[in-house]
Amino acid sequence: MGHFGKAAGFSMDITFLLNEESVEIRGVTETTTLLDWLRDERGLKGTKEGCNEGDCGACTVMVTDGTGIRALNACILLLPQLHGRAIRTVEGLSAPDGTLHPVQQAMIDFHGSQCGFCTPGFVVSMATAHANGDTGHDDALAGNLCRCTGYAPIIRAAQAAATAPIPEWIAHMPALTAPGSPPQGQDSRSSAPESADELATLYAERPDATLVAGATDVGLWVTKGLRDLPQTIFLNRCRDLQQIETTENGTRIGAGVTMDRVLALMRDLHPSYAEMIRRYGSAQIRAAATIGGNIANGSPIGDNPPALIALDATLHLRHRDTRRDLPLERFFLSYGKQDRASGEFVEAVTIPRQPDRLKVYKLSKRFDQDISAVCGAFSITVQDGSVTAARIAFGGMAATPRRATRVEAALTGRPWTDDTVAAARDAWEQDFQPLSDMRAGAEYRLTAARNMLTRYMIADLGGQVSVLDVAP
């Protein structure tokens, strides 16, 4: 039993497991991060603060609930999100008798640690991947930064530990006393609804509340912006927002579906979209971020909307019991403004069933986990050598994600050739007048967008366009 909170704000009572110990916290301030609580209140200093924005992985913890085991960033994980879940820090990876986890022993054997600051995050990520049978070590560790040892010995350690059995103390987690009960608010403004119906009523009554799903964006408002959130509604217990429904007409993805699940879904439906998702966030971020949150924040450089717009996705919005649908491209009105009424929330998005013609090209200074300078999504239908339909959408080219309608018109009905692509050159500037900023200049962005169309055509005609596939 403990008490933790700041003088300002309001609070909740939550229960969770920490390294197999049941913890009850009364009066936790809703914007308290797990990282701060672990270090300041529990003295668990192994979980480090590096970037404090979910980028470096030094704060990685293992989180278990009814959906499985995931690695998450403690620095942007708000304590109310943990109610009814189980958390392991690096201090909880070894057995009660001190026996090391196989990945800990492998890091010693292969000299995977030098300064040691990043090591706790690495071994937690490795142990989580080990528990899930994930041997894609480069991908599993892409969200962990090391600037001393280098990745070669760390990857060798992960490979060496991969065949070891899952330790008994990891495989069998004690159950919580009452994992299904909601967190208790000590203030009428703090809430964690159990369903979309509850959310609809609550949000209509409190339209100024901040909706918190994965907190991969909101967490930075707290840690970097030092913002107080006067009202919050936590969505992670709304199980009906986490459903994926596939029919003969399309796939409906609930707003609360995390991006790791969207990635798995898209591997079969639209592999290029899946690869973009793999690049734009680490395993820790993909396990927390939700597709609804990514859409609702309306970022002009969000990478999901261009792909979804190119796929002609429909957005489903809800206010109380009133639902409305609109093409996703019409949701984004202007910078920071979306077609969403007060108290209305994103409930789901539907992608119509279609042949896979989608290619998504993300251009960023760093290949993995970087904000796009330009993100282009292309779905162009070609029959008998001519373009019969085209949907092209971009992020990073305007104040909102936007379709290239004039470029589409310049292509449609014409032969699928270099001449047609060249003839569409002037249409790009009619569609977009991009800004120059720290990521790219306006002319660079226009040139990159034009080149992406050429890349799509070359790939569609069987050419080699990926630098990752070029062999010496």
Foldseek 3Di string as FASTA:
>chain_A
DEEDDDPDAFAWWAWEAELQRIDIYPTYHQLDFQQCCCCPPVVNPQQDDDPLQQAAQSRWKWKQAPVGIAIARRSQHTVLVRGLIHIYFLVSQADPVRHHWQLVVLCVVLVVDDPSSQVRRLSNLLLRCLVVLHLPNCQSCVRHDDDPRDCPSSNVSSVVSNPPDNDPSVNDRDGDPCSLDHIGTPDPQEEEDQAVLVLLVNQLVVLLAAEAQLSSPVSCCCRPVVDDGNGYYYHPNHVLLQDWDQDLWWIKGRQNHFQVVVLVVCVPQAVQLSVVSSFAHGSNRSVRDGNQVLLVQQALQRQPVQQQLQLQKKWWKDHNHDIDIDGSQQQRDFQRHGPADRSMGTTIMIGTRDHHQKHKDFDFPDRGNGGGCKIKIKRWDDDPQATAFIWIWMGNFHSGIHTLVQLRVLRHPGGLDPVSLVVSLVSLVVRGQGDADPTGHRVVRSVVVSVVVVLSSCVVVPHDDDPVPDDD
